[in-house]
């Protein structure tokens, strides 16, 4: 951990929703399989919308009107 600049810092375990966002991001960036149904059901509405928009964007789908990117 010291090589990552984390020496002397306490690490907080992420909550279920935060872990789901991390799993989705890891899947999108590194090809790590994730069950989206499982990951998305644990998110609050704001994070669920952000994750859905990110997945759609990575698939090349257009952004819905009124959403900011």
PDB file of N, CA and C in Angstrom:
ATOM      1  N   UNK A   1       0.805  -1.196   0.000  1.00  0.00           N
ATOM      2  CA  UNK A   1       0.000   0.000   0.000  1.00  0.00           C
ATOM      3  C   UNK A   1       0.847   1.258   0.000  1.00  0.00           C
ATOM      4  N   UNK A   2       2.012   1.196   0.591  1.00  0.00           N
ATOM      5  CA  UNK A   2       2.862   2.380   0.642  1.00  0.00           C
ATOM      6  C   UNK A   2       3.240   2.844  -0.755  1.00  0.00           C
ATOM      7  N   UNK A   3       3.413   1.885  -1.664  1.00  0.00           N
ATOM      8  CA  UNK A   3       3.788   2.265  -3.024  1.00  0.00           C
ATOM      9  C   UNK A   3       2.660   2.999  -3.734  1.00  0.00           C
ATOM     10  N   UNK A   4       1.436   2.876  -3.225  1.00  0.00           N
ATOM     11  CA  UNK A   4       0.305   3.576  -3.819  1.00  0.00           C
ATOM     12  C   UNK A   4       0.050   4.920  -3.146  1.00  0.00           C
ATOM     13  N   UNK A   5       0.900   5.303  -2.229  1.00  0.00           N
ATOM     14  CA  UNK A   5       0.711   6.561  -1.520  1.00  0.00           C
ATOM     15  C   UNK A   5      -0.352   6.475  -0.441  1.00  0.00           C
ATOM     16  N   UNK A   6      -0.647   5.276   0.040  1.00  0.00           N
ATOM     17  CA  UNK A   6      -1.692   5.100   1.029  1.00  0.00           C
ATOM     18  C   UNK A   6      -1.145   4.830   2.422  1.00  0.00           C
ATOM     19  N   UNK A   7       0.143   4.970   2.615  1.00  0.00           N
ATOM     20  CA  UNK A   7       0.752   4.710   3.916  1.00  0.00           C
ATOM     21  C   UNK A   7       0.176   5.651   4.962  1.00  0.00           C
ATOM     22  N   UNK A   8      -0.232   5.078   6.086  1.00  0.00           N
ATOM     23  CA  UNK A   8      -0.731   5.884   7.189  1.00  0.00           C
ATOM     24  C   UNK A   8      -2.178   6.318   7.045  1.00  0.00           C
ATOM     25  N   UNK A   9      -2.838   5.934   5.973  1.00  0.00           N
ATOM     26  CA  UNK A   9      -4.244   6.310   5.788  1.00  0.00           C
ATOM     27  C   UNK A   9      -5.129   5.120   6.110  1.00  0.00           C
ATOM     28  N   UNK A  10      -6.254   5.397   6.730  1.00  0.00           N
ATOM     29  CA  UNK A  10      -7.192   4.310   6.986  1.00  0.00           C
ATOM     30  C   UNK A  10      -8.109   4.177   5.781  1.00  0.00           C
ATOM     31  N   UNK A  11      -8.399   2.947   5.420  1.00  0.00           N
ATOM     32  CA  UNK A  11      -9.274   2.686   4.285  1.00  0.00           C
ATOM     33  C   UNK A  11     -10.666   2.358   4.808  1.00  0.00           C
ATOM     34  N   UNK A  12     -11.663   2.988   4.226  1.00  0.00           N
ATOM     35  CA  UNK A  12     -13.042   2.761   4.623  1.00  0.00           C
ATOM     36  C   UNK A  12     -13.649   1.757   3.652  1.00  0.00           C
ATOM     37  N   UNK A  13     -14.303   0.765   4.188  1.00  0.00           N
ATOM     38  CA  UNK A  13     -14.950  -0.229   3.341  1.00  0.00           C
ATOM     39  C   UNK A  13     -16.151   0.419   2.644  1.00  0.00           C
ATOM     40  N   UNK A  14     -16.220   0.303   1.316  1.00  0.00           N
ATOM     41  CA  UNK A  14     -17.344   0.926   0.604  1.00  0.00           C
ATOM     42  C   UNK A  14     -18.658   0.232   0.917  1.00  0.00           C
ATOM     43  N   UNK A  15     -19.736   0.992   0.829  1.00  0.00           N
ATOM     44  CA  UNK A  15     -21.070   0.447   1.043  1.00  0.00           C
ATOM     45  C   UNK A  15     -21.472  -0.410  -0.151  1.00  0.00           C
ATOM     46  N   UNK A  16     -22.585  -1.122  -0.016  1.00  0.00           N
ATOM     47  CA  UNK A  16     -23.037  -2.030  -1.069  1.00  0.00           C
ATOM     48  C   UNK A  16     -23.204  -1.298  -2.404  1.00  0.00           C
ATOM     49  N   UNK A  17     -23.846  -0.136  -2.387  1.00  0.00           N
ATOM     50  CA  UNK A  17     -24.056   0.617  -3.619  1.00  0.00           C
ATOM     51  C   UNK A  17     -22.746   1.076  -4.238  1.00  0.00           C
ATOM     52  N   UNK A  18     -21.814   1.498  -3.386  1.00  0.00           N
ATOM     53  CA  UNK A  18     -20.508   1.926  -3.893  1.00  0.00           C
ATOM     54  C   UNK A  18     -19.743   0.755  -4.494  1.00  0.00           C
ATOM     55  N   UNK A  19     -19.845  -0.422  -3.850  1.00  0.00           N
ATOM     56  CA  UNK A  19     -19.199  -1.615  -4.404  1.00  0.00           C
ATOM     57  C   UNK A  19     -19.792  -1.972  -5.757  1.00  0.00           C
ATOM     58  N   UNK A  20     -21.108  -1.794  -5.887  1.00  0.00           N
ATOM     59  CA  UNK A  20     -21.759  -2.093  -7.168  1.00  0.00           C
ATOM     60  C   UNK A  20     -21.248  -1.166  -8.265  1.00  0.00           C
ATOM     61  N   UNK A  21     -21.105   0.121  -7.945  1.00  0.00           N
ATOM     62  CA  UNK A  21     -20.575   1.074  -8.928  1.00  0.00           C
ATOM     63  C   UNK A  21     -19.154   0.689  -9.314  1.00  0.00           C
ATOM     64  N   UNK A  22     -18.353   0.293  -8.341  1.00  0.00           N
ATOM     65  CA  UNK A  22     -16.983  -0.124  -8.627  1.00  0.00           C
ATOM     66  C   UNK A  22     -16.950  -1.376  -9.504  1.00  0.00           C
ATOM     67  N   UNK A  23     -17.857  -2.326  -9.236  1.00  0.00           N
ATOM     68  CA  UNK A  23     -17.913  -3.537 -10.064  1.00  0.00           C
ATOM     69  C   UNK A  23     -18.304  -3.198 -11.497  1.00  0.00           C
ATOM     70  N   UNK A  24     -19.265  -2.296 -11.674  1.00  0.00           N
ATOM     71  CA  UNK A  24     -19.689  -1.890 -13.019  1.00  0.00           C
ATOM     72  C   UNK A  24     -18.541  -1.202 -13.742  1.00  0.00           C
ATOM     73  N   UNK A  25     -17.844  -0.293 -13.054  1.00  0.00           N
ATOM     74  CA  UNK A  25     -16.707   0.402 -13.670  1.00  0.00           C
ATOM     75  C   UNK A  25     -15.600  -0.572 -14.051  1.00  0.00           C
ATOM     76  N   UNK A  26     -15.322  -1.539 -13.173  1.00  0.00           N
ATOM     77  CA  UNK A  26     -14.292  -2.532 -13.477  1.00  0.00           C
ATOM     78  C   UNK A  26     -14.691  -3.375 -14.675  1.00  0.00           C
ATOM     79  N   UNK A  27     -15.960  -3.683 -14.773  1.00  0.00           N
ATOM     80  CA  UNK A  27     -16.440  -4.467 -15.899  1.00  0.00           C
ATOM     81  C   UNK A  27     -16.290  -3.700 -17.204  1.00  0.00           C
ATOM     82  N   UNK A  28     -16.628  -2.414 -17.169  1.00  0.00           N
ATOM     83  CA  UNK A  28     -16.551  -1.595 -18.379  1.00  0.00           C
ATOM     84  C   UNK A  28     -15.111  -1.347 -18.799  1.00  0.00           C
ATOM     85  N   UNK A  29     -14.213  -1.212 -17.858  1.00  0.00           N
ATOM     86  CA  UNK A  29     -12.836  -0.868 -18.212  1.00  0.00           C
ATOM     87  C   UNK A  29     -11.938  -2.076 -18.426  1.00  0.00           C
ATOM     88  N   UNK A  30     -12.243  -3.183 -17.741  1.00  0.00           N
ATOM     89  CA  UNK A  30     -11.330  -4.311 -17.819  1.00  0.00           C
ATOM     90  C   UNK A  30     -11.936  -5.607 -18.292  1.00  0.00           C
ATOM     91  N   UNK A  31     -13.191  -5.568 -18.713  1.00  0.00           N
ATOM     92  CA  UNK A  31     -13.816  -6.775 -19.194  1.00  0.00           C
ATOM     93  C   UNK A  31     -14.123  -7.793 -18.110  1.00  0.00           C
ATOM     94  N   UNK A  32     -14.232  -7.337 -16.862  1.00  0.00           N
ATOM     95  CA  UNK A  32     -14.565  -8.231 -15.759  1.00  0.00           C
ATOM     96  C   UNK A  32     -16.086  -8.418 -15.757  1.00  0.00           C
ATOM     97  N   UNK A  33     -16.571  -9.648 -15.863  1.00  0.00           N
ATOM     98  CA  UNK A  33     -18.025  -9.855 -15.923  1.00  0.00           C
ATOM     99  C   UNK A  33     -18.733  -9.365 -14.660  1.00  0.00           C
ATOM    100  N   UNK A  34     -19.895  -8.762 -14.853  1.00  0.00           N
ATOM    101  CA  UNK A  34     -20.715  -8.305 -13.733  1.00  0.00           C
ATOM    102  C   UNK A  34     -22.176  -8.574 -14.079  1.00  0.00           C
ATOM    103  N   UNK A  35     -22.954  -8.982 -13.093  1.00  0.00           N
ATOM    104  CA  UNK A  35     -24.391  -9.174 -13.269  1.00  0.00           C
ATOM    105  C   UNK A  35     -25.047  -7.813 -13.054  1.00  0.00           C
ATOM    106  N   UNK A  36     -25.443  -7.164 -14.148  1.00  0.00           N
ATOM    107  CA  UNK A  36     -26.008  -5.815 -14.036  1.00  0.00           C
ATOM    108  C   UNK A  36     -27.311  -5.801 -13.242  1.00  0.00           C
ATOM    109  N   UNK A  37     -28.108  -6.840 -13.369  1.00  0.00           N
ATOM    110  CA  UNK A  37     -29.361  -6.873 -12.611  1.00  0.00           C
ATOM    111  C   UNK A  37     -29.060  -6.831 -11.119  1.00  0.00           C
ATOM    112  N   UNK A  38     -28.088  -7.602 -10.690  1.00  0.00           N
ATOM    113  CA  UNK A  38     -27.711  -7.621  -9.286  1.00  0.00           C
ATOM    114  C   UNK A  38     -27.069  -6.299  -8.873  1.00  0.00           C
ATOM    115  N   UNK A  39     -26.187  -5.784  -9.715  1.00  0.00           N
ATOM    116  CA  UNK A  39     -25.460  -4.553  -9.369  1.00  0.00           C
ATOM    117  C   UNK A  39     -26.387  -3.342  -9.328  1.00  0.00           C
ATOM    118  N   UNK A  40     -27.316  -3.248 -10.273  1.00  0.00           N
ATOM    119  CA  UNK A  40     -28.170  -2.066 -10.350  1.00  0.00           C
ATOM    120  C   UNK A  40     -29.266  -2.044  -9.291  1.00  0.00           C
ATOM    121  N   UNK A  41     -29.721  -3.192  -8.823  1.00  0.00           N
ATOM    122  CA  UNK A  41     -30.811  -3.199  -7.844  1.00  0.00           C
ATOM    123  C   UNK A  41     -30.389  -2.645  -6.488  1.00  0.00           C
ATOM    124  N   UNK A  42     -29.106  -2.635  -6.191  1.00  0.00           N
ATOM    125  CA  UNK A  42     -28.645  -2.122  -4.908  1.00  0.00           C
ATOM    126  C   UNK A  42     -28.329  -0.637  -4.908  1.00  0.00           C
ATOM    127  N   UNK A  43     -28.539   0.032  -6.036  1.00  0.00           N
ATOM    128  CA  UNK A  43     -28.172   1.448  -6.125  1.00  0.00           C
ATOM    129  C   UNK A  43     -29.348   2.356  -5.824  1.00  0.00           C
ATOM    130  N   UNK A  44     -29.056   3.530  -5.271  1.00  0.00           N
ATOM    131  CA  UNK A  44     -30.078   4.540  -5.099  1.00  0.00           C
ATOM    132  C   UNK A  44     -30.406   5.118  -6.479  1.00  0.00           C
ATOM    133  N   UNK A  45     -31.519   5.831  -6.632  1.00  0.00           N
ATOM    134  CA  UNK A  45     -31.932   6.314  -7.951  1.00  0.00           C
ATOM    135  C   UNK A  45     -30.881   7.162  -8.685  1.00  0.00           C
ATOM    136  N   UNK A  46     -30.155   8.003  -7.973  1.00  0.00           N
ATOM    137  CA  UNK A  46     -29.154   8.854  -8.619  1.00  0.00           C
ATOM    138  C   UNK A  46     -28.020   8.008  -9.195  1.00  0.00           C
ATOM    139  N   UNK A  47     -27.452   7.132  -8.374  1.00  0.00           N
ATOM    140  CA  UNK A  47     -26.350   6.295  -8.856  1.00  0.00           C
ATOM    141  C   UNK A  47     -26.811   5.285  -9.903  1.00  0.00           C
ATOM    142  N   UNK A  48     -28.052   4.795  -9.784  1.00  0.00           N
ATOM    143  CA  UNK A  48     -28.583   3.887 -10.789  1.00  0.00           C
ATOM    144  C   UNK A  48     -28.688   4.595 -12.142  1.00  0.00           C
ATOM    145  N   UNK A  49     -29.145   5.849 -12.129  1.00  0.00           N
ATOM    146  CA  UNK A  49     -29.223   6.625 -13.371  1.00  0.00           C
ATOM    147  C   UNK A  49     -27.851   6.887 -13.966  1.00  0.00           C
ATOM    148  N   UNK A  50     -26.885   7.207 -13.120  1.00  0.00           N
ATOM    149  CA  UNK A  50     -25.522   7.448 -13.602  1.00  0.00           C
ATOM    150  C   UNK A  50     -24.908   6.180 -14.186  1.00  0.00           C
ATOM    151  N   UNK A  51     -25.104   5.052 -13.506  1.00  0.00           N
ATOM    152  CA  UNK A  51     -24.560   3.789 -13.994  1.00  0.00           C
ATOM    153  C   UNK A  51     -25.217   3.390 -15.311  1.00  0.00           C
ATOM    154  N   UNK A  52     -26.536   3.571 -15.408  1.00  0.00           N
ATOM    155  CA  UNK A  52     -27.251   3.236 -16.636  1.00  0.00           C
ATOM    156  C   UNK A  52     -26.780   4.100 -17.791  1.00  0.00           C
ATOM    157  N   UNK A  53     -26.585   5.386 -17.540  1.00  0.00           N
ATOM    158  CA  UNK A  53     -26.089   6.289 -18.569  1.00  0.00           C
ATOM    159  C   UNK A  53     -24.687   5.897 -19.008  1.00  0.00           C
ATOM    160  N   UNK A  54     -23.833   5.512 -18.062  1.00  0.00           N
ATOM    161  CA  UNK A  54     -22.466   5.102 -18.396  1.00  0.00           C
ATOM    162  C   UNK A  54     -22.460   3.837 -19.253  1.00  0.00           C
ATOM    163  N   UNK A  55     -23.321   2.877 -18.904  1.00  0.00           N
ATOM    164  CA  UNK A  55     -23.399   1.637 -19.686  1.00  0.00           C
ATOM    165  C   UNK A  55     -23.905   1.943 -21.094  1.00  0.00           C
ATOM    166  N   UNK A  56     -24.932   2.769 -21.206  1.00  0.00           N
ATOM    167  CA  UNK A  56     -25.463   3.131 -22.522  1.00  0.00           C
ATOM    168  C   UNK A  56     -24.408   3.858 -23.350  1.00  0.00           C
ATOM    169  N   UNK A  57     -23.685   4.766 -22.714  1.00  0.00           N
ATOM    170  CA  UNK A  57     -22.637   5.515 -23.408  1.00  0.00           C
ATOM    171  C   UNK A  57     -21.541   4.584 -23.911  1.00  0.00           C
ATOM    172  N   UNK A  58     -21.146   3.621 -23.091  1.00  0.00           N
ATOM    173  CA  UNK A  58     -20.085   2.702 -23.502  1.00  0.00           C
ATOM    174  C   UNK A  58     -20.538   1.799 -24.644  1.00  0.00           C
ATOM    175  N   UNK A  59     -21.856   1.603 -24.762  1.00  0.00           N
ATOM    176  CA  UNK A  59     -22.408   0.802 -25.849  1.00  0.00           C
ATOM    177  C   UNK A  59     -22.617   1.627 -27.118  1.00  0.00           C
ATOM    178  N   UNK A  60     -22.319   2.934 -27.032  1.00  0.00           N
ATOM    179  CA  UNK A  60     -22.456   3.799 -28.205  1.00  0.00           C
ATOM    180  C   UNK A  60     -23.858   4.334 -28.407  1.00  0.00           C
ATOM    181  N   UNK A  61     -24.712   4.202 -27.406  1.00  0.00           N
ATOM    182  CA  UNK A  61     -26.072   4.718 -27.524  1.00  0.00           C
ATOM    183  C   UNK A  61     -26.087   6.213 -27.252  1.00  0.00           C
ATOM    184  N   UNK A  62     -27.009   6.928 -27.883  1.00  0.00           N
ATOM    185  CA  UNK A  62     -27.056   8.379 -27.665  1.00  0.00           C
ATOM    186  C   UNK A  62     -27.501   8.717 -26.249  1.00  0.00           C
ATOM    187  N   UNK A  63     -27.054   9.870 -25.772  1.00  0.00           N
ATOM    188  CA  UNK A  63     -27.464  10.365 -24.465  1.00  0.00           C
ATOM    189  C   UNK A  63     -28.893  10.863 -24.573  1.00  0.00           C
ATOM    190  N   UNK A  64     -29.704  10.540 -23.566  1.00  0.00           N
ATOM    191  CA  UNK A  64     -31.077  11.015 -23.571  1.00  0.00           C
ATOM    192  C   UNK A  64     -31.120  12.525 -23.427  1.00  0.00           C
ATOM    193  N   UNK A  65     -32.076  13.158 -24.085  1.00  0.00           N
ATOM    194  CA  UNK A  65     -32.202  14.603 -24.007  1.00  0.00           C
ATOM    195  C   UNK A  65     -32.472  15.019 -22.573  1.00  0.00           C
ATOM    196  N   UNK A  66     -31.791  16.046 -22.118  1.00  0.00           N
ATOM    197  CA  UNK A  66     -31.966  16.539 -20.768  1.00  0.00           C
ATOM    198  C   UNK A  66     -30.969  15.982 -19.778  1.00  0.00           C
ATOM    199  N   UNK A  67     -30.203  14.981 -20.178  1.00  0.00           N
ATOM    200  CA  UNK A  67     -29.171  14.428 -19.292  1.00  0.00           C
ATOM    201  C   UNK A  67     -27.871  15.149 -19.549  1.00  0.00           C
ATOM    202  N   UNK A  68     -27.112  15.360 -18.514  1.00  0.00           N
ATOM    203  CA  UNK A  68     -25.790  15.942 -18.676  1.00  0.00           C
ATOM    204  C   UNK A  68     -24.765  14.825 -18.660  1.00  0.00           C
ATOM    205  N   UNK A  69     -23.691  15.000 -19.423  1.00  0.00           N
ATOM    206  CA  UNK A  69     -22.645  13.986 -19.471  1.00  0.00           C
ATOM    207  C   UNK A  69     -21.368  14.518 -18.908  1.00  0.00           C
TER     208      UNK A  69
END
